[in-house]
C-alpha cells in the first residue's frame, strides 16, 4: 500500500506528514543518542507541520500550545511533584545510611555462592521503588560479599541490572508507575473506541502480559539455582573461581574500591518511611476510589475501587508523607547535619531531573500526535493535533493483522530503546500511539472495546517490556552504565555477559509469549512455555562453572603427574 494514500474515504488532514514528528524524534535519537534534544526537535517539527510549514508560527505554537501547556497541566504537575518528592526521600535515606542498613540486614545470611546470588536478587526486589537507587545501593554494598564468595563482578552487574528496571517497572509504588500510567492514559485519550478502560486498571491487567520483564526477573534466580551459565558469563565465572583470583580481577580492571564506605545506620531509617508511604498511597487510592464507585455499586471489588482512585493524588500525598517522616526520623538522630540533610534532598531532586524532562517533552510530543482538542460548547478546534494514530491505523489495518501487533510493538520498542539507550524515552514515544492504535484496530467493526482483550493487554505489556529489553542490551543506556560502575565491572564486559541472557528472555517472550497469546493461547500456558524455554536453554547450553574449574584442576594435576613420570623415565 502506498503510504501517500489513505485507506479511509475521508482524507486525513495531514496524511503521511502526521508520522514525521515521531519519526524525526526516533531517527535523531538513534543518530545523536540524545533523547532530550531529539524530542525537542520532534516537537518543533510537529508544530511547524500543524502550522502548515510556517516556522515562526510553528515555534510559537510549540512553546505556548504544547511545552507550556504540558508544564502547567494539573495531572502532569502531580506526576512531576511525586517524582521529585520520591527522589528527595531516596536521597535523604540513602545519605543517612538507612538504605545501606536495610541491605546489610539480609546480606549477613549469604555465605555460599548460591545464597549470595539469591540475596542480591531478593535485595533487588526489596528496593523496588527506583531503579537508580536499586543499582547504586546494591552494587556498592554487595561487591565485598560477592568477591568473598567468588562471584564475578560481571555476574553481580547482571543481577543488579536485570532486577532494577524490571521490578521498578512492575511495582505499584515506584518512580516509574506514575509515568507508565500517564503514558497509557495519553494513549487511551487518543483512542476512538467506546468503553475505554481506566489507565490504572489497564496498567494492572497488563502485568501478566509483560513477558520479558517477568522472565528477566525470573531468570536471575533460575541461573543461581541451576548453577549454570553460558556464553561470556560462563568464562567470567570460571576466571573468578580460578586460584589466582586477585590477578584475574586486576586483569579485568576490577580492583578493590579504596573509597571510604558511606554511612550505615539502622535499617528502620529506610523501612519506616517507605512502609508508611506505601500504606498512605494505598489508603488514599482506596478512599478516593471508594467515594466514586460506591455511588453506583453497593459491592465494588478492590480492582474497581483502586481503578477509580486518584492515583496521582495518592502518589503525591504518599511521597510527601514519606519525605516528611524521613526528615523527622533521621534529623533527631544527628546522623546528618541540617545542611547535609538539605543537600541530600536536593541531590535526590536533581537525580530525578532527566526523568522529569523526558516526561515533559514526551507529553508535549504525545499531545501533538493526538487528536485535535475541541471546545465542547463552541465545537471549534482549540489546539490542533496530527492524529498520528489515526493515520497509522489507516495504513496498518490493511497491512498488519491485530494478531501481529504485540510482537511488532515489542520488536519496535526494543529497537528504539537499544539505539537510544533509554527505556523512559522509548515509552514516552511509543506507548500513546501503541495503546490508541491497538484499541482502534480491535474495534474497527464498531464493536465496543473489550478491556480484557489479551491483544490489548499484550500490546501494553509489549511496549513496556520491549523498552526494558532494549535498555538491557544497549551499551549507551544510563542504567547499564550505572550497573557496571556501581559493581566495579568493566562496562563492555557487563554488556557482553548480560546480552545473551537478555536475548534468551526476548526470544522466549516472542515464541512463548506475544505470538501464542495473540492466537488465543491462555496466559498460564504462555508462562509455562516461557519458563520451560528458560530452563531448557540453561540445561542444554549452560555449564556449571565450579565443575569446569574442578575438571581443569584435575586435568592440570594429571598433566603434572604425567610430566613427572616422563621426566623420571627419561632420567632412567
Protein backbone atom coordinates (compact mmCIF):
# COMPACT_ATOMS: atom_id res chain seq x y z
CA UNK A 1 0.00 0.00 0.00
CA UNK A 2 1.32 3.45 -0.92
CA UNK A 3 1.99 5.45 2.22
CA UNK A 4 0.78 8.58 0.49
CA UNK A 5 -2.69 7.14 0.05
CA UNK A 6 -5.30 6.97 2.77
CA UNK A 7 -7.34 3.86 3.40
CA UNK A 8 -10.44 5.75 4.53
CA UNK A 9 -12.79 7.61 2.23
CA UNK A 10 -12.48 10.81 4.24
CA UNK A 11 -9.00 12.24 3.72
CA UNK A 12 -6.75 12.55 6.71
CA UNK A 13 -5.98 16.25 7.36
CA UNK A 14 -2.20 15.72 7.42
CA UNK A 15 -1.71 12.30 5.83
CA UNK A 16 1.83 10.95 5.93
CA UNK A 17 3.04 14.21 7.48
CA UNK A 18 1.45 13.09 10.77
CA UNK A 19 4.21 10.47 11.01
CA UNK A 20 7.05 12.96 10.60
CA UNK A 21 7.41 14.36 14.18
CA UNK A 22 7.69 10.99 15.99
CA UNK A 23 9.89 9.59 13.20
CA UNK A 24 12.16 12.63 13.41
CA UNK A 25 12.40 12.20 17.19
CA UNK A 26 13.26 8.50 16.83
CA UNK A 27 15.72 8.98 13.96
CA UNK A 28 17.55 11.81 15.73
CA UNK A 29 17.65 9.84 18.97
CA UNK A 30 19.26 6.95 17.11
CA UNK A 31 21.72 9.20 15.28
CA UNK A 32 22.65 11.55 18.13
CA UNK A 33 21.85 9.35 21.18
CA UNK A 34 20.41 12.49 22.80
CA UNK A 35 16.80 11.77 23.65
CA UNK A 36 16.00 15.22 25.09
CA UNK A 37 17.28 17.13 22.07
CA UNK A 38 15.58 14.67 19.73
CA UNK A 39 12.21 15.02 21.46
CA UNK A 40 12.51 18.81 21.39
CA UNK A 41 13.28 18.90 17.67
CA UNK A 42 10.42 16.49 17.04
CA UNK A 43 8.08 18.87 18.88
CA UNK A 44 9.25 21.84 16.80
CA UNK A 45 8.83 19.87 13.56
CA UNK A 46 5.34 18.82 14.64
CA UNK A 47 4.32 22.37 15.48
CA UNK A 48 5.59 23.66 12.12
CA UNK A 49 3.62 20.88 10.40
CA UNK A 50 0.48 21.89 12.30
CA UNK A 51 1.06 25.49 11.15
CA UNK A 52 1.30 24.32 7.53
CA UNK A 53 5.01 25.00 7.18
CA UNK A 54 5.21 28.40 8.86
CA UNK A 55 8.36 28.20 11.05
CA UNK A 56 7.66 31.35 13.11
CA UNK A 57 4.11 30.33 13.94
CA UNK A 58 5.31 26.77 14.50
CA UNK A 59 7.93 27.69 17.08
CA UNK A 60 5.44 29.95 18.84
CA UNK A 61 2.87 27.14 18.89
CA UNK A 62 5.44 24.64 20.17
CA UNK A 63 6.27 26.87 23.11
CA UNK A 64 2.76 28.04 24.02
CA UNK A 65 0.35 25.31 22.92
CA UNK A 66 2.42 22.28 23.84
CA UNK A 67 5.51 22.86 26.00
CA UNK A 68 3.93 25.42 28.30
CA UNK A 69 0.59 23.64 28.43
CA UNK A 70 2.19 20.35 29.47
CA UNK A 71 4.38 22.11 32.00
CA UNK A 72 1.38 23.54 33.88
CA UNK A 73 -1.09 20.73 33.22
CA UNK A 74 -2.61 19.70 36.58
CA UNK A 75 -2.09 15.96 36.15
CA UNK A 76 1.44 16.46 34.87
CA UNK A 77 2.29 18.71 37.82
CA UNK A 78 1.18 15.90 40.15
CA UNK A 79 3.46 13.48 38.33
CA UNK A 80 6.38 15.92 38.49
CA UNK A 81 5.77 16.54 42.20
CA UNK A 82 5.63 12.85 43.07
CA UNK A 83 8.83 12.13 41.17
CA UNK A 84 10.68 14.97 42.91
CA UNK A 85 9.43 14.03 46.38
CA UNK A 86 10.36 10.40 45.83
CA UNK A 87 13.82 11.44 44.69
CA UNK A 88 14.25 13.65 47.76
CA UNK A 89 13.23 10.85 50.12
CA UNK A 90 15.57 8.38 48.45
CA UNK A 91 18.41 10.89 48.59
CA UNK A 92 17.92 11.50 52.32
CA UNK A 93 17.54 7.90 53.48
CA UNK A 94 20.49 6.88 51.30
CA UNK A 95 22.76 9.64 52.64
CA UNK A 96 21.78 8.78 56.22
CA UNK A 97 22.84 5.15 55.74
CA UNK A 98 19.35 3.79 56.23
CA UNK A 99 19.21 2.12 52.83
CA UNK A 100 22.59 0.51 53.35
CA UNK A 101 21.45 -0.68 56.76
CA UNK A 102 18.38 -2.27 55.14
CA UNK A 103 20.53 -4.07 52.59
CA UNK A 104 23.05 -5.20 55.23
CA UNK A 105 20.21 -6.73 57.24
CA UNK A 106 19.88 -9.56 54.74
CA UNK A 107 23.41 -9.65 53.39
CA UNK A 108 24.65 -11.34 56.57
CA UNK A 109 22.75 -14.52 55.70
CA UNK A 110 24.62 -15.08 52.44
CA UNK A 111 27.52 -17.50 52.98
CA UNK A 112 27.58 -19.52 49.70
CA UNK A 113 27.64 -18.63 46.02
CA UNK A 114 24.01 -19.68 45.66
CA UNK A 115 22.88 -17.68 48.68
CA UNK A 116 24.93 -14.69 47.55
CA UNK A 117 23.20 -14.56 44.17
CA UNK A 118 19.75 -15.14 45.66
CA UNK A 119 20.44 -12.43 48.27
CA UNK A 120 21.32 -9.94 45.54
CA UNK A 121 18.12 -10.83 43.70
CA UNK A 122 15.99 -10.51 46.85
CA UNK A 123 17.56 -7.16 47.64
CA UNK A 124 16.65 -6.01 44.15
CA UNK A 125 13.04 -6.96 44.86
CA UNK A 126 13.12 -5.15 48.22
CA UNK A 127 14.39 -1.90 46.70
CA UNK A 128 11.51 -1.86 44.25
CA UNK A 129 10.66 1.82 44.13
CA UNK A 130 13.50 3.18 41.99
CA UNK A 131 15.91 1.57 39.53
CA UNK A 132 18.69 4.10 40.11
CA UNK A 133 18.53 3.63 43.88
CA UNK A 134 18.48 -0.12 43.36
CA UNK A 135 21.63 -0.17 41.24
CA UNK A 136 23.66 2.41 43.13
CA UNK A 137 22.93 0.92 46.55
CA UNK A 138 23.19 -2.76 45.75
CA UNK A 139 26.31 -2.58 43.60
CA UNK A 140 28.46 -0.86 46.19
CA UNK A 141 27.07 -2.89 49.09
CA UNK A 142 27.37 -6.34 47.54
CA UNK A 143 30.84 -6.02 45.99
CA UNK A 144 32.74 -7.17 49.12
CA UNK A 145 30.29 -10.04 49.62
CA UNK A 146 30.43 -11.33 46.04
CA UNK A 147 34.23 -11.02 45.95
CA UNK A 148 34.44 -13.12 49.09
CA UNK A 149 32.09 -15.73 47.63
CA UNK A 150 33.95 -15.73 44.29
CA UNK A 151 31.02 -14.37 42.31
CA UNK A 152 32.31 -12.38 39.34
CA UNK A 153 31.67 -8.68 39.04
CA UNK A 154 30.02 -9.41 35.71
CA UNK A 155 27.51 -11.68 37.44
CA UNK A 156 26.86 -9.05 40.11
CA UNK A 157 26.26 -6.36 37.47
CA UNK A 158 23.87 -8.73 35.67
CA UNK A 159 21.91 -9.43 38.86
CA UNK A 160 21.66 -5.73 39.68
CA UNK A 161 20.83 -4.54 36.15
CA UNK A 162 18.33 -7.32 35.39
CA UNK A 163 16.47 -6.68 38.64
CA UNK A 164 16.42 -2.88 38.91
CA UNK A 165 14.35 -1.70 35.93
CA UNK A 166 12.04 -4.75 35.72
CA UNK A 167 10.99 -4.57 39.37
CA UNK A 168 10.60 -0.77 39.26
CA UNK A 169 8.51 -1.10 36.10
CA UNK A 170 6.22 -3.70 37.69
CA UNK A 171 5.89 -2.28 41.20
CA UNK A 172 2.71 -0.41 42.05
CA UNK A 173 4.75 2.02 44.14
CA UNK A 174 7.79 3.27 42.27
CA UNK A 175 9.23 6.25 40.43
CA UNK A 176 8.08 4.52 37.23
CA UNK A 177 4.43 3.88 37.98
CA UNK A 178 3.06 7.40 37.57
CA UNK A 179 4.92 7.82 34.30
CA UNK A 180 3.75 4.49 32.89
CA UNK A 181 0.13 5.17 33.85
CA UNK A 182 0.41 8.68 32.44
CA UNK A 183 1.65 7.43 29.06
CA UNK A 184 -1.11 4.80 28.97
CA UNK A 185 -3.68 7.50 29.76
CA UNK A 186 -2.45 9.56 26.82
CA UNK A 187 -2.98 6.58 24.53
CA UNK A 188 -6.49 5.97 25.90
CA UNK A 189 -7.41 9.61 25.32
CA UNK A 190 -6.36 9.31 21.66
CA UNK A 191 -8.42 6.16 21.02
CA UNK A 192 -11.81 6.35 19.31
CA UNK A 193 -13.27 3.15 20.77
CA UNK A 194 -16.14 3.08 23.24
CA UNK A 195 -15.92 1.51 26.69
CA UNK A 196 -12.36 2.78 27.13
CA UNK A 197 -10.57 1.38 30.21
CA UNK A 198 -9.12 3.30 33.13
CA UNK A 199 -5.37 3.74 32.75
CA UNK A 200 -4.65 2.31 36.20
CA UNK A 201 -6.78 -0.78 35.55
CA UNK A 202 -5.09 -1.33 32.18
CA UNK A 203 -1.70 -0.97 33.88
CA UNK A 204 -2.62 -3.64 36.45
CA UNK A 205 -4.19 -6.04 33.96
CA UNK A 206 -1.16 -5.82 31.64
CA UNK A 207 1.30 -7.08 34.28
CA UNK A 208 0.90 -10.81 33.45
CA UNK A 209 1.46 -9.95 29.78
CA UNK A 210 4.83 -8.27 30.30
CA UNK A 211 6.64 -11.44 29.35
CA UNK A 212 10.21 -10.17 29.06
CA UNK A 213 10.02 -8.13 32.25
CA UNK A 214 8.69 -11.06 34.30
CA UNK A 215 11.02 -13.65 32.77
CA UNK A 216 14.09 -11.42 33.07
CA UNK A 217 13.35 -11.20 36.79
CA UNK A 218 12.79 -14.96 37.00
CA UNK A 219 15.91 -15.86 35.01
CA UNK A 220 18.21 -14.43 37.71
CA UNK A 221 17.22 -16.96 40.43
CA UNK A 222 16.97 -19.76 37.82
CA UNK A 223 20.61 -19.16 36.87
CA UNK A 224 21.57 -19.23 40.56
CA UNK A 225 19.54 -22.33 41.44
CA UNK A 226 20.68 -24.37 38.44
CA UNK A 227 24.26 -23.13 38.98
CA UNK A 228 24.58 -22.95 35.19
CA UNK A 229 25.92 -20.18 33.00
CA UNK A 230 26.64 -19.84 29.30
CA UNK A 231 28.40 -17.54 26.88
CA UNK A 232 30.84 -14.89 28.11
CA UNK A 233 29.31 -15.06 31.61
CA UNK A 234 30.49 -18.66 31.96
CA UNK A 235 34.04 -17.60 31.15
CA UNK A 236 33.84 -14.74 33.65
CA UNK A 237 32.65 -17.08 36.41
CA UNK A 238 35.37 -19.63 35.62
CA UNK A 239 38.01 -16.88 35.76
CA UNK A 240 36.68 -15.71 39.13
CA UNK A 241 36.79 -19.25 40.53
CA UNK A 242 40.35 -19.77 39.36
CA UNK A 243 43.02 -19.94 42.10
CA UNK A 244 44.62 -16.64 41.04
CA UNK A 245 41.52 -14.56 41.72
CA UNK A 246 43.33 -11.29 42.50
CA UNK A 247 45.32 -11.39 39.29
CA UNK A 248 42.11 -12.08 37.39
CA UNK A 249 40.41 -9.04 38.93
CA UNK A 250 43.34 -6.74 38.14
CA UNK A 251 43.48 -8.07 34.59
CA UNK A 252 39.84 -7.07 34.08
CA UNK A 253 40.08 -3.68 35.78
CA UNK A 254 38.19 -4.80 38.88
CA UNK A 255 40.50 -3.85 41.71
CA UNK A 256 39.02 -3.33 45.16
CA UNK A 257 37.35 0.01 45.74
CA UNK A 258 39.56 2.06 48.02
CA UNK A 259 36.98 4.76 48.71
CA UNK A 260 35.62 5.16 52.21
CA UNK A 261 32.33 3.32 52.73
CA UNK A 262 29.25 5.53 53.08
CA UNK A 263 27.46 5.96 56.38
CA UNK A 264 25.48 2.98 57.68
CA UNK A 265 22.58 3.39 60.10
CA UNK A 266 19.58 1.38 61.28
CA UNK A 267 17.53 -0.28 58.58
CA UNK A 268 14.45 1.30 60.18
CA UNK A 269 15.51 4.68 58.79
CA UNK A 270 14.69 3.33 55.32
CA UNK A 271 11.98 0.77 56.08
CA UNK A 272 9.73 3.04 58.15
CA UNK A 273 9.40 5.93 55.62
CA UNK A 274 8.99 3.54 52.70
CA UNK A 275 6.49 1.38 54.57
CA UNK A 276 4.42 4.36 55.76
CA UNK A 277 4.49 5.83 52.26
CA UNK A 278 3.17 2.56 50.85
CA UNK A 279 0.34 2.46 53.41
CA UNK A 280 -0.60 6.10 52.75
CA UNK A 281 -0.67 5.66 48.98
CA UNK A 282 -2.85 2.56 49.18
CA UNK A 283 -5.13 4.25 51.73
CA UNK A 284 -5.63 7.36 49.58
CA UNK A 285 -6.19 5.21 46.49
CA UNK A 286 -8.79 3.15 48.32
CA UNK A 287 -10.58 6.12 49.87
CA UNK A 288 -10.81 8.23 46.72
CA UNK A 289 -11.82 5.25 44.61
CA UNK A 290 -14.42 4.12 47.10
CA UNK A 291 -16.07 7.54 47.10
CA UNK A 292 -16.53 7.26 43.34
CA UNK A 293 -17.75 3.67 42.91
CA UNK A 294 -19.98 3.44 45.98
CA UNK A 295 -22.44 5.83 44.34
CA UNK A 296 -23.23 3.29 41.59
CA UNK A 297 -22.12 -0.04 43.06
CA UNK A 298 -23.01 -1.21 46.55
CA UNK A 299 -20.44 -4.04 46.49
CA UNK A 300 -17.45 -2.88 44.46
CA UNK A 301 -14.38 -5.06 44.04
CA UNK A 302 -10.91 -3.95 45.12
CA UNK A 303 -9.85 -3.65 41.49
CA UNK A 304 -12.83 -1.36 40.79
CA UNK A 305 -12.06 0.74 43.87
CA UNK A 306 -8.36 1.13 43.14
CA UNK A 307 -9.07 1.65 39.44
CA UNK A 308 -11.22 4.70 40.21
CA UNK A 309 -8.87 6.05 42.86
CA UNK A 310 -6.94 9.28 42.42
CA UNK A 311 -3.63 7.63 41.64
CA UNK A 312 -1.68 10.85 41.09
CA UNK A 313 -3.03 12.40 44.27
CA UNK A 314 -2.24 9.24 46.21
CA UNK A 315 1.34 9.20 44.93
CA UNK A 316 1.88 12.85 45.83
CA UNK A 317 0.41 12.50 49.33
CA UNK A 318 2.29 9.27 49.96
CA UNK A 319 5.67 10.54 48.77
CA UNK A 320 5.24 13.79 50.71
CA UNK A 321 4.42 11.80 53.84
CA UNK A 322 7.45 9.59 53.29
CA UNK A 323 9.78 12.55 52.85
CA UNK A 324 8.46 14.40 55.91
CA UNK A 325 8.65 11.25 58.02
CA UNK A 326 12.21 10.52 56.90
CA UNK A 327 13.22 14.05 57.90
CA UNK A 328 11.54 13.70 61.30
CA UNK A 329 13.12 10.29 61.83
CA UNK A 330 16.68 11.00 60.68
CA UNK A 331 17.45 14.53 61.87
CA UNK A 332 16.92 13.84 65.62
CA UNK A 333 19.47 11.01 65.38
CA UNK A 334 22.17 13.53 64.33
CA UNK A 335 23.23 11.23 61.51
CA UNK A 336 23.45 14.24 59.22
CA UNK A 337 23.72 17.93 59.90
CA UNK A 338 20.87 20.14 58.76
CA UNK A 339 22.97 21.33 55.83
CA UNK A 340 23.90 17.76 54.82
CA UNK A 341 20.26 16.68 55.02
CA UNK A 342 19.17 19.57 52.81
CA UNK A 343 21.89 18.77 50.28
CA UNK A 344 20.91 15.09 50.29
CA UNK A 345 17.30 16.00 49.47
CA UNK A 346 18.37 18.47 46.77
CA UNK A 347 20.64 15.85 45.22
CA UNK A 348 17.69 13.48 45.20
CA UNK A 349 15.65 16.12 43.39
CA UNK A 350 18.46 16.66 40.91
CA UNK A 351 18.75 12.93 40.21
CA UNK A 352 15.14 12.98 39.01
CA UNK A 353 15.70 15.87 36.59
CA UNK A 354 16.38 13.74 33.47
CA UNK A 355 13.24 11.71 34.09
CA UNK A 356 11.17 14.86 34.53
CA UNK A 357 12.49 16.41 31.32
CA UNK A 358 11.79 13.26 29.32
CA UNK A 359 8.30 13.06 30.78
CA UNK A 360 7.58 16.72 29.95
CA UNK A 361 8.85 16.61 26.36
CA UNK A 362 7.24 13.23 25.67
CA UNK A 363 3.90 14.57 26.92
CA UNK A 364 4.19 17.56 24.57
CA UNK A 365 5.01 15.31 21.60
CA UNK A 366 2.12 12.99 22.50
CA UNK A 367 -0.24 15.98 22.57
CA UNK A 368 0.90 16.96 19.08
CA UNK A 369 0.39 13.49 17.65
CA UNK A 370 -3.02 13.16 19.32
CA UNK A 371 -6.41 14.26 18.15
CA UNK A 372 -7.35 17.95 17.98
CA UNK A 373 -8.80 19.46 21.15
CA UNK A 374 -12.34 20.69 20.58
CA UNK A 375 -14.24 23.20 22.71
CA UNK A 376 -17.31 21.37 24.00
CA UNK A 377 -19.50 24.48 23.81
CA UNK A 378 -18.45 26.05 20.53
CA UNK A 379 -17.33 22.76 18.89
CA UNK A 380 -14.33 24.60 17.50
CA UNK A 381 -10.78 23.29 17.48
CA UNK A 382 -8.82 24.85 20.34
CA UNK A 383 -5.48 23.12 19.77
CA UNK A 384 -4.87 21.19 16.59
CA UNK A 385 -3.40 17.69 16.57
CA UNK A 386 -1.83 15.47 13.93
CA UNK A 387 -3.90 12.37 14.79
CA UNK A 388 -0.86 10.18 14.07
CA UNK A 389 -2.52 7.07 15.47
CA UNK A 390 -5.49 7.56 13.14
CA UNK A 391 -3.21 7.64 10.11
CA UNK A 392 -1.14 4.68 11.35
CA UNK A 393 -4.35 2.74 11.80
CA UNK A 394 -5.46 3.53 8.25
CA UNK A 395 -2.15 2.13 6.96
CA UNK A 396 -1.69 -0.85 9.24
CA UNK A 397 -5.30 -2.04 9.20
CA UNK A 398 -4.83 -3.29 5.62
CA UNK A 399 -1.24 -4.45 6.04
CA UNK A 400 -1.00 -5.86 9.57
CA UNK A 401 -3.45 -8.03 11.44
CA UNK A 402 -4.24 -7.33 15.07
CA UNK A 403 -2.63 -10.65 15.98
CA UNK A 404 0.77 -9.32 14.91
CA UNK A 405 0.54 -6.11 16.95
CA UNK A 406 2.05 -7.38 20.26
CA UNK A 407 5.10 -8.90 18.56
CA UNK A 408 5.60 -5.93 16.24
CA UNK A 409 5.29 -3.44 19.10
CA UNK A 410 7.76 -5.43 21.22
CA UNK A 411 10.39 -5.52 18.46
CA UNK A 412 10.00 -1.83 17.56
CA UNK A 413 10.15 -0.80 21.22
CA UNK A 414 13.28 -2.92 21.76
CA UNK A 415 14.99 -1.45 18.70
CA UNK A 416 14.29 2.15 19.73
CA UNK A 417 15.43 1.55 23.33
CA UNK A 418 18.60 -0.20 22.17
CA UNK A 419 19.51 2.59 19.79
CA UNK A 420 18.69 5.45 22.13
CA UNK A 421 19.73 3.89 25.44
CA UNK A 422 16.62 4.99 27.32
CA UNK A 423 13.55 3.00 28.24
CA UNK A 424 11.78 6.13 29.51
CA UNK A 425 12.17 7.96 26.21
CA UNK A 426 11.04 4.87 24.31
CA UNK A 427 7.92 4.55 26.44
CA UNK A 428 7.13 8.23 26.01
CA UNK A 429 7.34 7.97 22.22
CA UNK A 430 5.64 4.61 21.69
CA UNK A 431 3.11 3.93 24.47
CA UNK A 432 0.44 6.51 23.45
CA UNK A 433 0.25 5.53 19.75
CA UNK A 434 0.55 1.80 20.57
CA UNK A 435 -2.38 1.89 23.00
CA UNK A 436 -4.64 4.00 20.78
CA UNK A 437 -3.76 2.09 17.61
CA UNK A 438 -4.46 -1.28 19.21
CA UNK A 439 -7.76 -0.10 20.70
CA UNK A 440 -8.89 1.32 17.35
CA UNK A 441 -7.92 -1.80 15.38
CA UNK A 442 -9.74 -4.07 17.84
CA UNK A 443 -12.92 -2.01 17.41
CA UNK A 444 -12.67 -1.48 13.66
CA UNK A 445 -16.10 -3.04 13.06
CA UNK A 446 -17.81 -0.74 15.53
CA UNK A 447 -17.98 -3.14 18.47
CA UNK A 448 -17.15 -1.83 21.98
CA UNK A 449 -13.65 -2.39 23.25
CA UNK A 450 -13.13 -5.43 25.46
CA UNK A 451 -10.89 -4.04 28.19
CA UNK A 452 -9.72 -7.56 28.97
CA UNK A 453 -8.77 -8.41 25.38
CA UNK A 454 -5.43 -10.31 25.52
CA UNK A 455 -4.16 -8.49 22.42
CA UNK A 456 -4.75 -5.09 24.03
CA UNK A 457 -3.11 -6.19 27.27
CA UNK A 458 -0.22 -7.83 25.39
CA UNK A 459 0.30 -4.67 23.33
CA UNK A 460 0.65 -2.59 26.50
CA UNK A 461 2.92 -5.21 28.05
CA UNK A 462 4.99 -5.46 24.88
CA UNK A 463 5.89 -1.78 24.64
CA UNK A 464 6.83 -1.67 28.34
CA UNK A 465 8.83 -4.91 28.18
CA UNK A 466 10.44 -4.10 24.83
CA UNK A 467 11.73 -0.81 26.22
CA UNK A 468 13.37 -2.60 29.16
CA UNK A 469 14.86 -5.33 26.92
CA UNK A 470 16.42 -2.81 24.55
CA UNK A 471 17.72 -0.86 27.52
CA UNK A 472 19.33 -4.00 28.98
CA UNK A 473 21.26 -4.64 25.76
CA UNK A 474 22.26 -1.06 25.00
CA UNK A 475 25.85 -0.05 25.82
CA UNK A 476 24.79 3.61 25.93
CA UNK A 477 21.98 3.03 28.42
CA UNK A 478 22.32 5.04 31.63
CA UNK A 479 21.15 2.08 33.71
CA UNK A 480 23.62 -0.26 32.03
CA UNK A 481 26.42 2.21 32.70
CA UNK A 482 25.34 2.73 36.32
CA UNK A 483 25.18 -1.02 36.90
CA UNK A 484 28.71 -1.63 35.68
CA UNK A 485 30.09 1.38 37.55
CA UNK A 486 28.41 0.61 40.86
CA UNK A 487 29.54 -3.01 40.68
CA UNK A 488 33.13 -2.20 39.74
CA UNK A 489 32.79 -4.11 36.48
CA UNK A 490 34.29 -3.26 33.11
CA UNK A 491 31.40 -1.70 31.18
CA UNK A 492 31.90 -3.58 27.92
CA UNK A 493 32.31 -6.84 29.83
CA UNK A 494 28.96 -6.18 31.51
CA UNK A 495 27.25 -5.59 28.16
CA UNK A 496 28.80 -8.72 26.62
CA UNK A 497 27.96 -11.00 29.51
CA UNK A 498 24.40 -9.75 30.06
CA UNK A 499 23.29 -9.63 26.45
CA UNK A 500 22.94 -13.43 25.92
CA UNK A 501 20.68 -13.67 28.96
CA UNK A 502 18.60 -10.72 27.77
CA UNK A 503 18.32 -12.23 24.28
CA UNK A 504 17.17 -15.52 25.80
CA UNK A 505 14.39 -13.71 27.64
CA UNK A 506 13.41 -11.79 24.50
CA UNK A 507 13.28 -14.84 22.24
CA UNK A 508 11.18 -16.66 24.82
CA UNK A 509 8.92 -13.60 25.08
CA UNK A 510 8.15 -13.74 21.36
CA UNK A 511 7.98 -17.50 20.79
CA UNK A 512 6.20 -18.38 24.03
CA UNK A 513 4.52 -15.05 24.77
CA UNK A 514 3.39 -12.49 22.22
CA UNK A 515 2.76 -14.90 19.34
CA UNK A 516 0.80 -17.60 21.23
CA UNK A 517 -1.25 -15.07 23.24
CA UNK A 518 -2.31 -13.28 20.05
CA UNK A 519 -3.62 -16.55 18.63
CA UNK A 520 -5.72 -17.38 21.67
CA UNK A 521 -3.38 -19.33 23.95
CA UNK A 522 -4.22 -18.92 27.66
CA UNK A 523 -1.86 -16.78 29.66
CA UNK A 524 -0.88 -19.62 32.02
CA UNK A 525 0.16 -21.75 29.03
CA UNK A 526 2.43 -18.97 27.77
CA UNK A 527 4.15 -18.69 31.13
CA UNK A 528 4.63 -22.46 31.39
CA UNK A 529 6.16 -22.48 27.90
CA UNK A 530 8.35 -19.49 28.67
CA UNK A 531 9.75 -20.88 31.91
CA UNK A 532 10.31 -24.20 30.13
CA UNK A 533 12.33 -22.45 27.43
CA UNK A 534 14.46 -20.67 30.04
CA UNK A 535 15.18 -23.86 31.96
CA UNK A 536 15.68 -25.91 28.82
CA UNK A 537 18.24 -23.46 27.45
CA UNK A 538 20.13 -23.37 30.75
CA UNK A 539 20.39 -27.16 30.82
CA UNK A 540 21.12 -27.56 27.11
CA UNK A 541 23.82 -24.93 26.63
CA UNK A 542 24.71 -23.94 30.20
CA UNK A 543 27.50 -25.45 32.27
CA UNK A 544 28.39 -25.37 35.96
CA UNK A 545 31.48 -23.11 36.45
CA UNK A 546 32.61 -24.96 39.59
CA UNK A 547 32.67 -28.25 37.70
CA UNK A 548 34.71 -26.75 34.86
CA UNK A 549 37.24 -25.32 37.32
CA UNK A 550 37.45 -28.65 39.13
CA UNK A 551 37.90 -30.51 35.85
CA UNK A 552 40.62 -28.07 34.82
CA UNK A 553 42.36 -28.58 38.17
CA UNK A 554 42.15 -32.38 37.81
CA UNK A 555 43.47 -32.14 34.27
CA UNK A 556 46.27 -29.87 35.44
CA UNK A 557 47.22 -32.35 38.17
CA UNK A 558 47.14 -35.22 35.65
CA UNK A 559 49.36 -33.22 33.30
CA UNK A 560 51.78 -32.54 36.14
CA UNK A 561 51.91 -36.24 37.12
CA UNK A 562 52.37 -37.24 33.50
CA UNK A 563 55.18 -34.70 33.12
CA UNK A 564 56.86 -36.01 36.28
CA UNK A 565 56.54 -39.58 35.02
CA UNK A 566 58.09 -38.65 31.68
CA UNK A 567 60.90 -36.83 33.44
CA UNK A 568 61.59 -39.86 35.66
CA UNK A 569 61.60 -42.25 32.71
CA UNK A 570 63.98 -40.03 30.79
CA UNK A 571 66.35 -39.94 33.75
CA UNK A 572 66.33 -43.73 33.91
